[in-house]
Amino acid sequence: MTESRDEQVGLRLRVVAVLGFVLIIPPFLARFDRVGQVFGVPVLAAYLFLVWAITIGLVAVIGGRSR
């Protein structure tokens, strides 16, 4: 039973990795590469930080549940 749970955790982590990768490929980055600022931070930098933070948060949630 623990093996199937480990497989589920591995699958979820792979999905998060693919999602993180897809969100930083050039077609998505181009949508946010514009002049402007969000709370004083360039839009592209804010987008990249947000994607990074969400990815780290999802990994933390998945890793926390696996214990």
N, C-alpha and C. Protein backbone atom coordinates (compact mmCIF):
# COMPACT_ATOMS: atom_id res chain seq x y z
N MET A 1 0.82 -1.20 0.00
CA MET A 1 0.00 0.00 0.00
C MET A 1 0.86 1.26 0.00
N THR A 2 1.99 1.24 0.69
CA THR A 2 2.85 2.43 0.70
C THR A 2 3.47 2.66 -0.67
N GLU A 3 3.65 1.58 -1.43
CA GLU A 3 4.23 1.75 -2.75
C GLU A 3 3.30 2.53 -3.67
N SER A 4 2.00 2.27 -3.60
CA SER A 4 1.07 3.01 -4.45
C SER A 4 0.98 4.47 -3.99
N ARG A 5 1.10 4.69 -2.68
CA ARG A 5 1.09 6.07 -2.17
C ARG A 5 2.34 6.81 -2.64
N ASP A 6 3.49 6.12 -2.63
CA ASP A 6 4.72 6.73 -3.14
C ASP A 6 4.59 7.04 -4.62
N GLU A 7 3.93 6.17 -5.35
CA GLU A 7 3.72 6.41 -6.78
C GLU A 7 2.84 7.63 -7.00
N GLN A 8 1.81 7.78 -6.16
CA GLN A 8 0.93 8.94 -6.27
C GLN A 8 1.69 10.24 -5.99
N VAL A 9 2.52 10.21 -4.96
CA VAL A 9 3.32 11.39 -4.62
C VAL A 9 4.27 11.71 -5.76
N GLY A 10 4.91 10.69 -6.31
CA GLY A 10 5.82 10.90 -7.44
C GLY A 10 5.10 11.48 -8.64
N LEU A 11 3.91 10.96 -8.90
CA LEU A 11 3.12 11.47 -10.03
C LEU A 11 2.73 12.93 -9.82
N ARG A 12 2.31 13.25 -8.62
CA ARG A 12 1.93 14.64 -8.33
C ARG A 12 3.12 15.58 -8.46
N LEU A 13 4.29 15.14 -8.00
CA LEU A 13 5.47 15.98 -8.12
C LEU A 13 5.86 16.16 -9.58
N ARG A 14 5.69 15.11 -10.39
CA ARG A 14 5.97 15.25 -11.82
C ARG A 14 5.01 16.24 -12.48
N VAL A 15 3.75 16.19 -12.08
CA VAL A 15 2.76 17.12 -12.63
C VAL A 15 3.12 18.56 -12.26
N VAL A 16 3.55 18.79 -11.04
CA VAL A 16 3.96 20.13 -10.61
C VAL A 16 5.18 20.59 -11.41
N ALA A 17 6.13 19.69 -11.65
CA ALA A 17 7.32 20.04 -12.42
C ALA A 17 6.94 20.41 -13.85
N VAL A 18 6.05 19.64 -14.47
CA VAL A 18 5.62 19.94 -15.84
C VAL A 18 4.86 21.26 -15.87
N LEU A 19 3.99 21.48 -14.90
CA LEU A 19 3.25 22.73 -14.84
C LEU A 19 4.21 23.92 -14.70
N GLY A 20 5.19 23.80 -13.82
CA GLY A 20 6.17 24.87 -13.65
C GLY A 20 6.94 25.13 -14.93
N PHE A 21 7.31 24.05 -15.64
CA PHE A 21 8.02 24.20 -16.89
C PHE A 21 7.15 24.88 -17.94
N VAL A 22 5.91 24.45 -18.05
CA VAL A 22 5.01 25.01 -19.06
C VAL A 22 4.77 26.50 -18.81
N LEU A 23 4.70 26.89 -17.55
CA LEU A 23 4.43 28.29 -17.23
C LEU A 23 5.61 29.21 -17.51
N ILE A 24 6.81 28.64 -17.74
CA ILE A 24 7.96 29.52 -18.01
C ILE A 24 8.50 29.37 -19.43
N ILE A 25 7.78 28.67 -20.30
CA ILE A 25 8.23 28.59 -21.69
C ILE A 25 7.92 29.93 -22.38
N PRO A 26 8.66 30.25 -23.42
CA PRO A 26 8.54 31.58 -24.06
C PRO A 26 7.13 32.06 -24.42
N PRO A 27 6.21 31.22 -24.91
CA PRO A 27 4.89 31.78 -25.22
C PRO A 27 4.19 32.39 -24.01
N PHE A 28 4.35 31.79 -22.85
CA PHE A 28 3.73 32.37 -21.65
C PHE A 28 4.52 33.58 -21.16
N LEU A 29 5.84 33.50 -21.24
CA LEU A 29 6.66 34.65 -20.81
C LEU A 29 6.40 35.87 -21.68
N ALA A 30 6.17 35.65 -22.96
CA ALA A 30 5.92 36.77 -23.87
C ALA A 30 4.65 37.53 -23.49
N ARG A 31 3.69 36.84 -22.93
CA ARG A 31 2.44 37.51 -22.53
C ARG A 31 2.67 38.49 -21.38
N PHE A 32 3.72 38.26 -20.59
CA PHE A 32 3.99 39.11 -19.43
C PHE A 32 5.19 40.02 -19.63
N ASP A 33 5.81 39.97 -20.80
CA ASP A 33 6.96 40.81 -21.09
C ASP A 33 6.48 42.14 -21.66
N ARG A 34 6.05 43.00 -20.78
CA ARG A 34 5.54 44.30 -21.21
C ARG A 34 5.99 45.36 -20.22
N VAL A 35 5.88 46.58 -20.68
CA VAL A 35 6.25 47.70 -19.82
C VAL A 35 5.13 47.88 -18.80
N GLY A 36 5.49 47.96 -17.58
CA GLY A 36 4.53 48.14 -16.51
C GLY A 36 5.09 47.58 -15.22
N GLN A 37 4.41 47.90 -14.16
CA GLN A 37 4.87 47.42 -12.86
C GLN A 37 3.70 46.96 -12.01
N VAL A 38 4.00 45.99 -11.18
CA VAL A 38 3.04 45.49 -10.20
C VAL A 38 3.69 45.70 -8.83
N PHE A 39 3.13 46.58 -8.04
CA PHE A 39 3.70 46.94 -6.74
C PHE A 39 5.16 47.36 -6.86
N GLY A 40 5.49 48.07 -7.94
CA GLY A 40 6.84 48.57 -8.14
C GLY A 40 7.81 47.57 -8.73
N VAL A 41 7.34 46.40 -9.10
CA VAL A 41 8.18 45.35 -9.68
C VAL A 41 7.75 45.16 -11.14
N PRO A 42 8.70 45.02 -12.06
CA PRO A 42 8.32 44.78 -13.45
C PRO A 42 7.41 43.56 -13.57
N VAL A 43 6.48 43.62 -14.51
CA VAL A 43 5.46 42.57 -14.67
C VAL A 43 6.09 41.19 -14.87
N LEU A 44 7.11 41.11 -15.72
CA LEU A 44 7.75 39.82 -15.99
C LEU A 44 8.39 39.24 -14.73
N ALA A 45 9.07 40.07 -13.97
CA ALA A 45 9.70 39.61 -12.73
C ALA A 45 8.64 39.16 -11.72
N ALA A 46 7.55 39.90 -11.63
CA ALA A 46 6.47 39.52 -10.72
C ALA A 46 5.86 38.18 -11.13
N TYR A 47 5.67 37.98 -12.43
CA TYR A 47 5.12 36.72 -12.93
C TYR A 47 6.05 35.55 -12.61
N LEU A 48 7.35 35.73 -12.89
CA LEU A 48 8.30 34.66 -12.61
C LEU A 48 8.36 34.34 -11.12
N PHE A 49 8.34 35.37 -10.28
CA PHE A 49 8.35 35.13 -8.83
C PHE A 49 7.08 34.41 -8.40
N LEU A 50 5.94 34.78 -8.95
CA LEU A 50 4.69 34.14 -8.60
C LEU A 50 4.68 32.67 -9.01
N VAL A 51 5.16 32.37 -10.22
CA VAL A 51 5.24 30.97 -10.67
C VAL A 51 6.18 30.19 -9.76
N TRP A 52 7.32 30.78 -9.42
CA TRP A 52 8.28 30.12 -8.54
C TRP A 52 7.66 29.85 -7.17
N ALA A 53 6.99 30.83 -6.59
CA ALA A 53 6.39 30.68 -5.27
C ALA A 53 5.28 29.63 -5.28
N ILE A 54 4.46 29.62 -6.31
CA ILE A 54 3.38 28.62 -6.39
C ILE A 54 3.96 27.22 -6.54
N THR A 55 5.01 27.08 -7.35
CA THR A 55 5.63 25.77 -7.52
C THR A 55 6.22 25.28 -6.21
N ILE A 56 6.94 26.12 -5.50
CA ILE A 56 7.51 25.76 -4.20
C ILE A 56 6.40 25.41 -3.22
N GLY A 57 5.32 26.19 -3.21
CA GLY A 57 4.20 25.91 -2.31
C GLY A 57 3.54 24.57 -2.60
N LEU A 58 3.34 24.27 -3.86
CA LEU A 58 2.73 22.97 -4.22
C LEU A 58 3.62 21.81 -3.83
N VAL A 59 4.92 21.94 -4.04
CA VAL A 59 5.85 20.88 -3.62
C VAL A 59 5.82 20.71 -2.10
N ALA A 60 5.74 21.81 -1.38
CA ALA A 60 5.68 21.74 0.08
C ALA A 60 4.41 21.06 0.56
N VAL A 61 3.29 21.38 -0.09
CA VAL A 61 2.02 20.76 0.30
C VAL A 61 2.04 19.28 0.01
N ILE A 62 2.52 18.91 -1.17
CA ILE A 62 2.58 17.49 -1.55
C ILE A 62 3.55 16.74 -0.63
N GLY A 63 4.70 17.34 -0.36
CA GLY A 63 5.68 16.70 0.52
C GLY A 63 5.18 16.59 1.95
N GLY A 64 4.44 17.57 2.40
CA GLY A 64 3.89 17.53 3.76
C GLY A 64 2.83 16.46 3.93
N ARG A 65 2.05 16.24 2.89
CA ARG A 65 1.01 15.22 2.96
C ARG A 65 1.57 13.80 2.88
N SER A 66 2.76 13.67 2.30
CA SER A 66 3.31 12.33 2.09
C SER A 66 3.83 11.72 3.37
N ARG A 67 4.01 12.52 4.39
CA ARG A 67 4.55 11.98 5.64
C ARG A 67 3.52 11.33 6.47
